[in-house]
Each structure stands twice: as structure tokens, then as C-alpha cells.
C-alpha atoms as a PDB file:
ATOM      1  CA  MET A   1       0.000   0.000   0.000  1.00  0.00           C
ATOM      2  CA  SER A   2       1.410   3.376  -1.011  1.00  0.00           C
ATOM      3  CA  THR A   3       1.885   6.126   1.570  1.00  0.00           C
ATOM      4  CA  PRO A   4      -0.687   8.928   1.175  1.00  0.00           C
ATOM      5  CA  HIS A   5       0.638  12.280   0.005  1.00  0.00           C
ATOM      6  CA  TYR A   6      -0.185  15.061   2.432  1.00  0.00           C
ATOM      7  CA  SER A   7      -0.141  18.742   1.582  1.00  0.00           C
ATOM      8  CA  TYR A   8      -0.692  20.069   5.102  1.00  0.00           C
ATOM      9  CA  LEU A   9       0.655  17.349   7.409  1.00  0.00           C
ATOM     10  CA  PHE A  10       4.264  16.406   8.087  1.00  0.00           C
ATOM     11  CA  GLY A  11       5.882  13.777  10.237  1.00  0.00           C
ATOM     12  CA  PRO A  12       5.427  12.507  12.828  1.00  0.00           C
ATOM     13  CA  VAL A  13       8.785  14.135  13.556  1.00  0.00           C
ATOM     14  CA  PRO A  14      10.885  13.761  16.716  1.00  0.00           C
ATOM     15  CA  SER A  15      10.441  16.878  18.857  1.00  0.00           C
ATOM     16  CA  ARG A  16      12.535  18.019  21.797  1.00  0.00           C
ATOM     17  CA  ARG A  17       9.363  18.914  23.695  1.00  0.00           C
ATOM     18  CA  PHE A  18       6.603  16.720  22.279  1.00  0.00           C
ATOM     19  CA  GLY A  19       8.110  13.314  21.505  1.00  0.00           C
ATOM     20  CA  ARG A  20       6.764  12.140  18.125  1.00  0.00           C
ATOM     21  CA  SER A  21       4.686  15.027  16.850  1.00  0.00           C
ATOM     22  CA  LEU A  22       2.467  15.125  13.759  1.00  0.00           C
ATOM     23  CA  GLY A  23       2.804  18.623  12.339  1.00  0.00           C
ATOM     24  CA  ILE A  24      -0.250  20.387  10.899  1.00  0.00           C
ATOM     25  CA  ASP A  25       0.820  23.315   8.723  1.00  0.00           C
ATOM     26  CA  LEU A  26      -1.795  26.021   8.120  1.00  0.00           C
ATOM     27  CA  ILE A  27       0.433  28.847   6.885  1.00  0.00           C
ATOM     28  CA  PRO A  28       2.619  29.411   3.786  1.00  0.00           C
ATOM     29  CA  LEU A  29       6.347  29.376   4.405  1.00  0.00           C
ATOM     30  CA  LYS A  30       7.558  32.280   6.545  1.00  0.00           C
ATOM     31  CA  THR A  31       4.218  34.073   6.784  1.00  0.00           C
ATOM     32  CA  CYS A  32       4.485  35.378  10.323  1.00  0.00           C
ATOM     33  CA  SER A  33       3.905  38.336  12.613  1.00  0.00           C
ATOM     34  CA  LEU A  34       7.565  38.179  13.712  1.00  0.00           C
ATOM     35  CA  ASP A  35      10.969  37.905  12.048  1.00  0.00           C
ATOM     36  CA  CYS A  36      12.939  36.308  14.885  1.00  0.00           C
ATOM     37  CA  VAL A  37      16.708  36.462  14.551  1.00  0.00           C
ATOM     38  CA  PHE A  38      16.962  32.832  15.697  1.00  0.00           C
ATOM     39  CA  CYS A  39      14.349  31.267  13.384  1.00  0.00           C
ATOM     40  CA  GLN A  40      15.511  27.950  11.934  1.00  0.00           C
ATOM     41  CA  LEU A  41      13.472  28.540   8.762  1.00  0.00           C
ATOM     42  CA  GLY A  42      15.229  31.789   7.872  1.00  0.00           C
ATOM     43  CA  ARG A  43      13.992  35.351   7.571  1.00  0.00           C
ATOM     44  CA  THR A  44      10.294  36.151   7.369  1.00  0.00           C
ATOM     45  CA  THR A  45       9.303  36.935   3.793  1.00  0.00           C
ATOM     46  CA  CYS A  46       5.698  37.920   4.585  1.00  0.00           C
ATOM     47  CA  LYS A  47       5.429  39.823   7.880  1.00  0.00           C
ATOM     48  CA  THR A  48       1.736  40.370   8.455  1.00  0.00           C
ATOM     49  CA  LEU A  49      -1.100  40.585  10.975  1.00  0.00           C
ATOM     50  CA  ASP A  50      -3.764  39.713   8.381  1.00  0.00           C
ATOM     51  CA  ARG A  51      -5.842  36.722   9.469  1.00  0.00           C
ATOM     52  CA  GLU A  52      -7.037  34.760   6.451  1.00  0.00           C
ATOM     53  CA  GLU A  53      -7.876  31.194   5.467  1.00  0.00           C
ATOM     54  CA  TYR A  54      -4.421  30.672   4.003  1.00  0.00           C
ATOM     55  CA  VAL A  55      -5.104  26.999   3.238  1.00  0.00           C
ATOM     56  CA  PRO A  56      -8.551  25.337   2.926  1.00  0.00           C
ATOM     57  CA  THR A  57      -9.742  24.256   6.378  1.00  0.00           C
ATOM     58  CA  THR A  58     -11.887  21.405   5.025  1.00  0.00           C
ATOM     59  CA  ASP A  59      -8.918  19.963   3.124  1.00  0.00           C
ATOM     60  CA  VAL A  60      -6.744  20.082   6.254  1.00  0.00           C
ATOM     61  CA  ILE A  61      -9.381  18.226   8.278  1.00  0.00           C
ATOM     62  CA  LYS A  62      -9.790  15.610   5.522  1.00  0.00           C
ATOM     63  CA  GLU A  63      -6.049  14.946   5.588  1.00  0.00           C
ATOM     64  CA  ILE A  64      -6.116  14.571   9.382  1.00  0.00           C
ATOM     65  CA  GLU A  65      -9.020  12.112   9.091  1.00  0.00           C
ATOM     66  CA  THR A  66      -7.043  10.073   6.551  1.00  0.00           C
ATOM     67  CA  TRP A  67      -3.961  10.098   8.764  1.00  0.00           C
ATOM     68  CA  LEU A  68      -5.929   9.040  11.861  1.00  0.00           C
ATOM     69  CA  LYS A  69      -7.223   6.017   9.948  1.00  0.00           C
ATOM     70  CA  SER A  70      -3.721   5.056   8.766  1.00  0.00           C
ATOM     71  CA  GLY A  71      -2.660   3.526  12.073  1.00  0.00           C
ATOM     72  CA  VAL A  72       0.494   5.640  12.380  1.00  0.00           C
ATOM     73  CA  GLU A  73       1.292   6.578  15.980  1.00  0.00           C
ATOM     74  CA  ALA A  74       2.115   9.992  17.416  1.00  0.00           C
ATOM     75  CA  ASP A  75       2.338  11.540  20.865  1.00  0.00           C
ATOM     76  CA  TYR A  76       0.811  14.877  19.884  1.00  0.00           C
ATOM     77  CA  LEU A  77      -1.058  16.513  16.993  1.00  0.00           C
ATOM     78  CA  THR A  78       0.606  19.891  16.642  1.00  0.00           C
ATOM     79  CA  LEU A  79      -0.417  23.069  14.842  1.00  0.00           C
ATOM     80  CA  SER A  80       2.990  24.321  13.775  1.00  0.00           C
ATOM     81  CA  GLY A  81       5.115  24.531  10.680  1.00  0.00           C
ATOM     82  CA  SER A  82       5.969  27.298   8.268  1.00  0.00           C
ATOM     83  CA  GLY A  83       4.563  30.379  10.013  1.00  0.00           C
ATOM     84  CA  GLU A  84       2.343  31.615  12.854  1.00  0.00           C
ATOM     85  CA  PRO A  85      -0.721  29.301  12.949  1.00  0.00           C
ATOM     86  CA  THR A  86      -3.060  31.796  14.624  1.00  0.00           C
ATOM     87  CA  LEU A  87      -2.867  33.902  11.452  1.00  0.00           C
ATOM     88  CA  HIS A  88      -5.121  31.260   9.894  1.00  0.00           C
ATOM     89  CA  ALA A  89      -8.618  32.631  10.444  1.00  0.00           C
ATOM     90  CA  GLN A  90     -10.107  29.157  11.020  1.00  0.00           C
ATOM     91  CA  PHE A  91      -7.407  27.491  13.107  1.00  0.00           C
ATOM     92  CA  GLY A  92     -10.005  27.052  15.857  1.00  0.00           C
ATOM     93  CA  GLN A  93     -12.042  24.767  13.576  1.00  0.00           C
ATOM     94  CA  VAL A  94      -9.018  22.484  13.228  1.00  0.00           C
ATOM     95  CA  LEU A  95      -8.502  22.434  17.007  1.00  0.00           C
ATOM     96  CA  ASP A  96     -12.217  21.768  17.510  1.00  0.00           C
ATOM     97  CA  PHE A  97     -11.914  18.695  15.268  1.00  0.00           C
ATOM     98  CA  LEU A  98      -8.809  17.525  17.145  1.00  0.00           C
ATOM     99  CA  ARG A  99     -10.250  18.046  20.635  1.00  0.00           C
ATOM    100  CA  PRO A 100     -12.093  14.688  20.989  1.00  0.00           C
ATOM    101  CA  GLN A 101      -9.238  12.652  19.515  1.00  0.00           C
ATOM    102  CA  SER A 102      -7.256  10.331  21.798  1.00  0.00           C
ATOM    103  CA  ILE A 103      -3.985  12.006  20.770  1.00  0.00           C
ATOM    104  CA  PRO A 104      -3.705  15.412  22.497  1.00  0.00           C
ATOM    105  CA  SER A 105      -3.599  18.572  20.401  1.00  0.00           C
ATOM    106  CA  VAL A 106      -0.961  21.279  20.725  1.00  0.00           C
ATOM    107  CA  LEU A 107      -0.897  24.865  19.490  1.00  0.00           C
ATOM    108  CA  LEU A 108       2.617  26.227  18.954  1.00  0.00           C
ATOM    109  CA  THR A 109       2.272  29.994  18.818  1.00  0.00           C
ATOM    110  CA  ASN A 110       4.260  33.168  19.314  1.00  0.00           C
ATOM    111  CA  GLY A 111       1.257  34.612  21.164  1.00  0.00           C
ATOM    112  CA  THR A 112       1.292  37.907  19.287  1.00  0.00           C
ATOM    113  CA  LEU A 113      -2.439  37.783  18.456  1.00  0.00           C
ATOM    114  CA  PHE A 114      -3.707  36.811  21.905  1.00  0.00           C
ATOM    115  CA  HIS A 115      -4.933  40.365  22.518  1.00  0.00           C
ATOM    116  CA  LEU A 116      -7.794  39.392  20.163  1.00  0.00           C
ATOM    117  CA  PRO A 117     -10.698  37.684  22.010  1.00  0.00           C
ATOM    118  CA  GLU A 118     -11.475  35.441  19.028  1.00  0.00           C
ATOM    119  CA  VAL A 119      -7.888  34.146  18.959  1.00  0.00           C
ATOM    120  CA  ARG A 120      -7.929  33.422  22.706  1.00  0.00           C
ATOM    121  CA  GLU A 121     -11.240  31.583  22.359  1.00  0.00           C
ATOM    122  CA  ALA A 122      -9.970  29.445  19.467  1.00  0.00           C
ATOM    123  CA  ALA A 123      -6.633  28.726  21.167  1.00  0.00           C
ATOM    124  CA  GLY A 124      -8.505  27.515  24.234  1.00  0.00           C
ATOM    125  CA  LEU A 125      -9.640  24.450  22.260  1.00  0.00           C
ATOM    126  CA  ALA A 126      -6.109  23.008  22.346  1.00  0.00           C
ATOM    127  CA  ARG A 127      -5.073  20.572  25.080  1.00  0.00           C
ATOM    128  CA  VAL A 128      -1.641  22.231  25.273  1.00  0.00           C
ATOM    129  CA  VAL A 129      -0.727  25.769  24.221  1.00  0.00           C
ATOM    130  CA  LYS A 130       2.991  26.475  23.936  1.00  0.00           C
ATOM    131  CA  VAL A 131       3.792  30.196  23.770  1.00  0.00           C
ATOM    132  CA  SER A 132       7.143  31.875  23.150  1.00  0.00           C
ATOM    133  CA  LEU A 133       8.350  34.649  25.465  1.00  0.00           C
ATOM    134  CA  SER A 134      11.944  35.735  24.865  1.00  0.00           C
ATOM    135  CA  ALA A 135      11.819  39.471  25.655  1.00  0.00           C
ATOM    136  CA  TRP A 136      10.833  41.706  28.566  1.00  0.00           C
ATOM    137  CA  ASP A 137       9.914  45.062  26.980  1.00  0.00           C
ATOM    138  CA  GLN A 138       9.355  46.692  23.607  1.00  0.00           C
ATOM    139  CA  HIS A 139      13.044  47.336  22.966  1.00  0.00           C
ATOM    140  CA  SER A 140      14.139  43.750  23.633  1.00  0.00           C
ATOM    141  CA  PHE A 141      11.104  42.480  21.691  1.00  0.00           C
ATOM    142  CA  GLU A 142      12.198  44.458  18.646  1.00  0.00           C
ATOM    143  CA  TRP A 143      15.779  43.275  19.033  1.00  0.00           C
ATOM    144  CA  VAL A 144      15.075  39.544  19.409  1.00  0.00           C
ATOM    145  CA  ASN A 145      11.791  39.059  17.532  1.00  0.00           C
ATOM    146  CA  ARG A 146      11.688  41.941  15.004  1.00  0.00           C
ATOM    147  CA  PRO A 147       7.880  42.220  15.190  1.00  0.00           C
ATOM    148  CA  HIS A 148       5.367  43.680  12.786  1.00  0.00           C
ATOM    149  CA  ALA A 149       5.346  47.458  13.243  1.00  0.00           C
ATOM    150  CA  GLN A 150       1.859  47.451  14.791  1.00  0.00           C
ATOM    151  CA  LEU A 151       2.685  45.006  17.581  1.00  0.00           C
ATOM    152  CA  ASP A 152       3.107  46.283  21.133  1.00  0.00           C
ATOM    153  CA  PHE A 153       4.846  44.061  23.683  1.00  0.00           C
ATOM    154  CA  MET A 154       2.733  44.944  26.720  1.00  0.00           C
ATOM    155  CA  THR A 155      -0.502  44.565  24.747  1.00  0.00           C
ATOM    156  CA  ILE A 156       0.625  41.055  23.781  1.00  0.00           C
ATOM    157  CA  TYR A 157       1.591  40.245  27.370  1.00  0.00           C
ATOM    158  CA  LYS A 158      -1.766  41.394  28.736  1.00  0.00           C
ATOM    159  CA  GLY A 159      -3.468  39.192  26.140  1.00  0.00           C
ATOM    160  CA  LEU A 160      -1.454  36.227  27.404  1.00  0.00           C
ATOM    161  CA  GLN A 161      -2.523  37.029  30.969  1.00  0.00           C
ATOM    162  CA  GLU A 162      -6.192  37.070  29.923  1.00  0.00           C
ATOM    163  CA  PHE A 163      -5.743  33.764  28.112  1.00  0.00           C
ATOM    164  CA  ARG A 164      -4.084  32.120  31.118  1.00  0.00           C
ATOM    165  CA  ASN A 165      -6.911  33.250  33.413  1.00  0.00           C
ATOM    166  CA  ALA A 166      -9.523  31.529  31.215  1.00  0.00           C
ATOM    167  CA  PHE A 167      -7.591  28.500  29.898  1.00  0.00           C
ATOM    168  CA  ASP A 168      -8.095  25.175  31.676  1.00  0.00           C
ATOM    169  CA  GLY A 169      -5.516  23.250  29.645  1.00  0.00           C
ATOM    170  CA  GLN A 170      -1.736  23.084  29.868  1.00  0.00           C
ATOM    171  CA  LEU A 171       0.166  26.317  29.215  1.00  0.00           C
ATOM    172  CA  TRP A 172       3.816  25.818  28.343  1.00  0.00           C
ATOM    173  CA  LEU A 173       6.276  28.664  27.798  1.00  0.00           C
ATOM    174  CA  GLU A 174       9.406  28.574  25.664  1.00  0.00           C
ATOM    175  CA  VAL A 175      12.126  31.106  26.410  1.00  0.00           C
ATOM    176  CA  PHE A 176      14.671  31.270  23.613  1.00  0.00           C
ATOM    177  CA  LEU A 177      18.014  32.595  24.867  1.00  0.00           C
ATOM    178  CA  LEU A 178      20.798  34.031  22.746  1.00  0.00           C
ATOM    179  CA  ALA A 179      24.355  34.772  23.839  1.00  0.00           C
ATOM    180  CA  GLY A 180      24.969  38.492  24.294  1.00  0.00           C
ATOM    181  CA  ILE A 181      21.329  39.384  23.598  1.00  0.00           C
ATOM    182  CA  ASN A 182      18.964  38.132  26.312  1.00  0.00           C
ATOM    183  CA  ALA A 183      20.990  35.532  28.238  1.00  0.00           C
ATOM    184  CA  MET A 184      22.663  37.789  30.801  1.00  0.00           C
ATOM    185  CA  ALA A 185      21.264  36.921  34.231  1.00  0.00           C
ATOM    186  CA  LYS A 186      19.806  40.395  34.829  1.00  0.00           C
ATOM    187  CA  ASP A 187      17.896  40.234  31.545  1.00  0.00           C
ATOM    188  CA  THR A 188      16.774  36.633  31.864  1.00  0.00           C
ATOM    189  CA  GLU A 189      15.472  37.496  35.344  1.00  0.00           C
ATOM    190  CA  LYS A 190      13.256  40.181  33.754  1.00  0.00           C
ATOM    191  CA  ILE A 191      11.745  37.538  31.482  1.00  0.00           C
ATOM    192  CA  ALA A 192      11.382  35.172  34.454  1.00  0.00           C
ATOM    193  CA  ARG A 193       9.400  37.789  36.411  1.00  0.00           C
ATOM    194  CA  LEU A 194       6.920  38.079  33.546  1.00  0.00           C
ATOM    195  CA  THR A 195       6.505  34.314  33.305  1.00  0.00           C
ATOM    196  CA  ARG A 196       5.497  34.057  36.983  1.00  0.00           C
ATOM    197  CA  ASP A 197       2.304  36.035  36.438  1.00  0.00           C
ATOM    198  CA  LEU A 198       1.348  33.654  33.612  1.00  0.00           C
ATOM    199  CA  LYS A 199       1.529  30.633  35.953  1.00  0.00           C
ATOM    200  CA  PRO A 200       2.768  28.228  33.270  1.00  0.00           C
ATOM    201  CA  ASP A 201       2.641  24.474  33.780  1.00  0.00           C
ATOM    202  CA  ARG A 202       6.062  24.084  32.185  1.00  0.00           C
ATOM    203  CA  ILE A 203       8.877  26.369  31.065  1.00  0.00           C
ATOM    204  CA  HIS A 204      11.467  25.337  28.494  1.00  0.00           C
ATOM    205  CA  LEU A 205      14.767  27.127  27.939  1.00  0.00           C
ATOM    206  CA  ASN A 206      15.990  26.838  24.387  1.00  0.00           C
ATOM    207  CA  THR A 207      18.904  28.139  22.384  1.00  0.00           C
ATOM    208  CA  ILE A 208      20.412  27.797  18.919  1.00  0.00           C
ATOM    209  CA  ALA A 209      20.593  24.176  17.777  1.00  0.00           C
ATOM    210  CA  ARG A 210      20.206  24.716  14.018  1.00  0.00           C
ATOM    211  CA  PRO A 211      21.450  27.474  11.702  1.00  0.00           C
ATOM    212  CA  PRO A 212      19.460  30.628  12.578  1.00  0.00           C
ATOM    213  CA  ALA A 213      18.069  33.398  10.394  1.00  0.00           C
ATOM    214  CA  GLU A 214      20.971  35.674  11.354  1.00  0.00           C
ATOM    215  CA  ASP A 215      24.570  34.609  11.835  1.00  0.00           C
ATOM    216  CA  PHE A 216      24.982  36.910  14.851  1.00  0.00           C
ATOM    217  CA  ALA A 217      22.434  34.786  16.775  1.00  0.00           C
ATOM    218  CA  ALA A 218      24.727  32.627  18.913  1.00  0.00           C
ATOM    219  CA  PRO A 219      23.906  29.716  21.253  1.00  0.00           C
ATOM    220  CA  VAL A 220      24.142  29.852  25.035  1.00  0.00           C
ATOM    221  CA  PRO A 221      26.465  27.224  26.589  1.00  0.00           C
ATOM    222  CA  MET A 222      24.738  24.396  28.433  1.00  0.00           C
ATOM    223  CA  ALA A 223      26.349  25.280  31.776  1.00  0.00           C
ATOM    224  CA  GLN A 224      24.935  28.807  31.539  1.00  0.00           C
ATOM    225  CA  LEU A 225      21.469  27.511  30.631  1.00  0.00           C
ATOM    226  CA  GLU A 226      21.547  25.281  33.709  1.00  0.00           C
ATOM    227  CA  GLN A 227      22.323  28.287  35.902  1.00  0.00           C
ATOM    228  CA  LEU A 228      19.575  30.403  34.343  1.00  0.00           C
ATOM    229  CA  ALA A 229      16.958  27.642  34.644  1.00  0.00           C
ATOM    230  CA  GLY A 230      16.703  28.253  38.392  1.00  0.00           C
ATOM    231  CA  LEU A 231      15.493  31.823  37.858  1.00  0.00           C
ATOM    232  CA  PHE A 232      12.116  30.532  36.715  1.00  0.00           C
ATOM    233  CA  ASP A 233       9.098  29.271  38.657  1.00  0.00           C
ATOM    234  CA  PRO A 234       8.583  26.438  38.021  1.00  0.00           C
ATOM    235  CA  PRO A 235      12.291  25.812  37.332  1.00  0.00           C
ATOM    236  CA  ALA A 236      12.818  25.682  33.595  1.00  0.00           C
ATOM    237  CA  GLN A 237      13.599  22.514  31.708  1.00  0.00           C
ATOM    238  CA  ILE A 238      16.373  22.765  29.142  1.00  0.00           C
ATOM    239  CA  ALA A 239      14.980  21.818  25.752  1.00  0.00           C
ATOM    240  CA  ALA A 240      18.315  22.242  24.009  1.00  0.00           C
ATOM    241  CA  ASP A 241      19.850  19.138  25.608  1.00  0.00           C
ATOM    242  CA  PHE A 242      17.085  16.704  24.696  1.00  0.00           C
ATOM    243  CA  THR A 243      17.872  14.093  22.029  1.00  0.00           C
ATOM    244  CA  PRO A 244      14.601  12.906  20.497  1.00  0.00           C
ATOM    245  CA  ARG A 245      13.947   9.271  19.685  1.00  0.00           C
ATOM    246  CA  ARG A 246      15.149   8.477  16.174  1.00  0.00           C
ATOM    247  CA  THR A 247      13.246   6.065  13.975  1.00  0.00           C
ATOM    248  CA  SER A 248      14.396   3.960  11.037  1.00  0.00           C
ATOM    249  CA  LYS A 249      12.716   6.504   8.747  1.00  0.00           C
ATOM    250  CA  THR A 250      14.774   9.342  10.265  1.00  0.00           C
ATOM    251  CA  ILE A 251      17.999   7.367   9.893  1.00  0.00           C
ATOM    252  CA  ALA A 252      17.147   6.508   6.276  1.00  0.00           C
ATOM    253  CA  ASP A 253      16.475  10.168   5.520  1.00  0.00           C
ATOM    254  CA  GLU A 254      19.806  11.129   7.109  1.00  0.00           C
ATOM    255  CA  ALA A 255      21.662   8.615   4.947  1.00  0.00           C
ATOM    256  CA  SER A 256      19.922   9.863   1.794  1.00  0.00           C
ATOM    257  CA  ILE A 257      20.634  13.502   2.614  1.00  0.00           C
ATOM    258  CA  LEU A 258      24.290  12.737   3.388  1.00  0.00           C
ATOM    259  CA  ALA A 259      24.606  10.962   0.043  1.00  0.00           C
ATOM    260  CA  MET A 260      23.232  14.016  -1.775  1.00  0.00           C
ATOM    261  CA  LEU A 261      25.465  16.446   0.138  1.00  0.00           C
ATOM    262  CA  ALA A 262      28.458  14.275  -0.739  1.00  0.00           C
ATOM    263  CA  ARG A 263      27.797  15.183  -4.369  1.00  0.00           C
ATOM    264  CA  ARG A 264      27.272  18.929  -3.843  1.00  0.00           C
ATOM    265  CA  PRO A 265      26.377  21.455  -1.123  1.00  0.00           C
ATOM    266  CA  CYS A 266      22.654  22.255  -0.959  1.00  0.00           C
ATOM    267  CA  THR A 267      20.330  24.721   0.756  1.00  0.00           C
ATOM    268  CA  MET A 268      17.560  23.587   3.087  1.00  0.00           C
ATOM    269  CA  LYS A 269      14.964  24.279   0.386  1.00  0.00           C
ATOM    270  CA  GLN A 270      16.911  22.214  -2.151  1.00  0.00           C
ATOM    271  CA  VAL A 271      16.943  19.284   0.276  1.00  0.00           C
ATOM    272  CA  GLU A 272      13.203  19.756   0.842  1.00  0.00           C
ATOM    273  CA  ALA A 273      12.512  19.705  -2.901  1.00  0.00           C
ATOM    274  CA  ALA A 274      14.725  16.691  -3.528  1.00  0.00           C
ATOM    275  CA  PHE A 275      13.137  14.442  -0.905  1.00  0.00           C
ATOM    276  CA  GLY A 276       9.597  15.806  -0.694  1.00  0.00           C
ATOM    277  CA  ILE A 277       9.698  16.137   3.083  1.00  0.00           C
ATOM    278  CA  HIS A 278       8.527  19.156   5.042  1.00  0.00           C
ATOM    279  CA  LEU A 279      10.986  21.953   5.775  1.00  0.00           C
ATOM    280  CA  ASN A 280      10.613  21.345   9.507  1.00  0.00           C
ATOM    281  CA  GLU A 281      11.673  17.713   9.058  1.00  0.00           C
ATOM    282  CA  VAL A 282      14.636  18.837   6.938  1.00  0.00           C
ATOM    283  CA  SER A 283      15.639  21.341   9.608  1.00  0.00           C
ATOM    284  CA  LYS A 284      15.559  18.730  12.375  1.00  0.00           C
ATOM    285  CA  ILE A 285      17.603  16.222  10.365  1.00  0.00           C
ATOM    286  CA  LEU A 286      20.197  18.820   9.333  1.00  0.00           C
ATOM    287  CA  GLY A 287      20.399  20.036  12.926  1.00  0.00           C
ATOM    288  CA  HIS A 288      21.108  16.514  14.158  1.00  0.00           C
ATOM    289  CA  LEU A 289      23.805  16.034  11.503  1.00  0.00           C
ATOM    290  CA  ILE A 290      25.450  19.348  12.418  1.00  0.00           C
ATOM    291  CA  ARG A 291      25.476  18.542  16.142  1.00  0.00           C
ATOM    292  CA  ASN A 292      27.173  15.238  15.319  1.00  0.00           C
ATOM    293  CA  ASP A 293      29.736  16.976  13.085  1.00  0.00           C
ATOM    294  CA  ARG A 294      28.603  15.123   9.969  1.00  0.00           C
ATOM    295  CA  ILE A 295      27.869  18.300   8.017  1.00  0.00           C
ATOM    296  CA  ARG A 296      28.651  22.017   8.230  1.00  0.00           C
ATOM    297  CA  ALA A 297      26.719  25.166   7.280  1.00  0.00           C
ATOM    298  CA  ASP A 298      28.303  27.763   4.989  1.00  0.00           C
ATOM    299  CA  ILE A 299      26.825  31.186   4.129  1.00  0.00           C
ATOM    300  CA  ARG A 300      26.996  32.078   0.435  1.00  0.00           C
ATOM    301  CA  ASN A 301      25.212  35.052  -1.105  1.00  0.00           C
ATOM    302  CA  ASP A 302      22.902  35.451   1.932  1.00  0.00           C
ATOM    303  CA  ASP A 303      21.851  31.793   1.813  1.00  0.00           C
ATOM    304  CA  VAL A 304      22.947  28.830   3.926  1.00  0.00           C
ATOM    305  CA  TYR A 305      24.447  25.830   2.148  1.00  0.00           C
ATOM    306  CA  TYR A 306      25.053  22.473   3.851  1.00  0.00           C
ATOM    307  CA  ALA A 307      28.057  20.326   3.012  1.00  0.00           C
ATOM    308  CA  LEU A 308      29.858  17.315   4.424  1.00  0.00           C
ATOM    309  CA  THR A 309      32.505  18.095   7.013  1.00  0.00           C
ATOM    310  CA  ALA A 310      36.063  17.394   5.972  1.00  0.00           C
ATOM    311  CA  LYS A 311      37.471  14.182   7.468  1.00  0.00           C
END
């Protein structure tokens, strides 16, 4: 039996936070309200606050129905992927369909639209909402996340507070730390103070593990992350040190990608096109190969090319 082709689903992929996660992609590549300097998918090409039905909701739900009948296992069903999922005007309909399923649903969001009551209501249909918070005021927000010009940090934060007060599911926070930008103890403490009012169920500290959008975005050493984790309540877990479970499919993809890179260096998008796997899957595989010193990343003409490391 042939494997179904999915236009809006990818994976399940190994996730540092969610085990084996089936990705549900509602947004075209790099359509987002932010242009984070650390983004693994590169710079935002469409920075917007316009909420539209970017992909057909009925088609997404049909693909999920097909996948659920396929017998493939996953730990979570996750709205994530190529951009900010809450920009999709009907993302709540997808979460409403997922809510009764035995596999819990997750919304991965930057939280920038939670000042809108309709976004908070739709997000509340998820079993787990994971929100990013990597700044403490407007200046740091603009430095780290490069937001749409109409976004105000405190307005976003107040929206998150309202959501937390009404949400009866799990709220997880991800704090992405960058060396020399927001990882000094005095600055991380400012972020930690904001997280306390949100009363999250879990906090994850993350840092650069894959080539970021900007080459000045540098990772924080593990020892420093461990020290900073204690500033948070509850104490933060370090996502950057988690090695997800690898499957035979992942290993096969790694071998195929290594064989292609042995012939010539390629960009992430070229790898995606060659193997027909989602950009998020490509990013995770390339990140694993870089951490194991199998490949390197070179910047050429404002693009990142991946090549085998010299032995």
C-alpha cells in the first residue's frame, strides 16, 4: 500500500518537547507576525497581521481524518510549521476537530495575536498551548523578535494574561536565549518575572541548535542555561539538551541527505525539494547532523548551504 501524500501534514517528527509530533501546517512558508533572529526557517518573507484562510480548512481536516485512519502513531497533533498558525482565520475549527481525539492537540504559537478575544477563544480548544516569550519590553522584543510594526509588547503580554486566566488546559512557555542578547542573568530574570504572572505548567529554555536566520544569533552554553533555569518558577527545563527518539525513517532520511550532500552542497529548500519532506523535518535532520559533526553550514550570497565536514 502506497503512503498517502499530504499537503498540510508532516511527520510525525521527533520533537525536543513533544516526543513524536504530527505537524499540521496552516500557513505558507515564513508568513508570520515576527521575524525572529533565531528562526531555523530563515527570515520572514511575509510579515503580516492579516488573518485569512491561508489553506482550505476542510482539506486540512480531511487529511487529518485520513492520517488518523492510517494507524500511524504519534504523541501529539501539533499546529505548527511554516509560520504563525493563529494567522489562519479558522485554526479554531481544526482544534475543535482535534479536541475529541485520543492524541492530544498542541498549538505552537508566538502569542502575538492573543490580545484578540477570538484568537484566545480558538486557542482555548487546544489541550496544550505552547507560547514563546523571549523578551521583557518593547526594545528587547524588537531586538530579538523583530515584530510587525503594529505590535506592542505589553498589549501582547496582557493578552497572554487574559488567556491564562480563562484556559483550563496546559500552558507551556518557551524562552529562547541568545548569547549576548537576552541571556545575561539580569535580563533573563526580567523575562522570568513576567513568566510568573502567567503561571505556566512548564517552562522550556531553548537556544540555537540549528542554523538561525541571522549569523549573529549565537547559542548559550549548556552550563549557563543550567544556571539560568533556576530563575524561573517552576524551574525551567532545558529543551536544548534533549535528544529525540530516532526512527528507522529518520535514519534513512539522514543517509539519503548525506549521500546528496556528498555530491554537492545544498540549501535547506533544495533538500526539501529533492526528498519531498517538510521543511521542519529537513531542519531537524540537518540540525542533528550538524550537532554530530557530519555536516557544516556555509553562508553564500545570503543563503545557507550544507556540506559534508572534511574528514
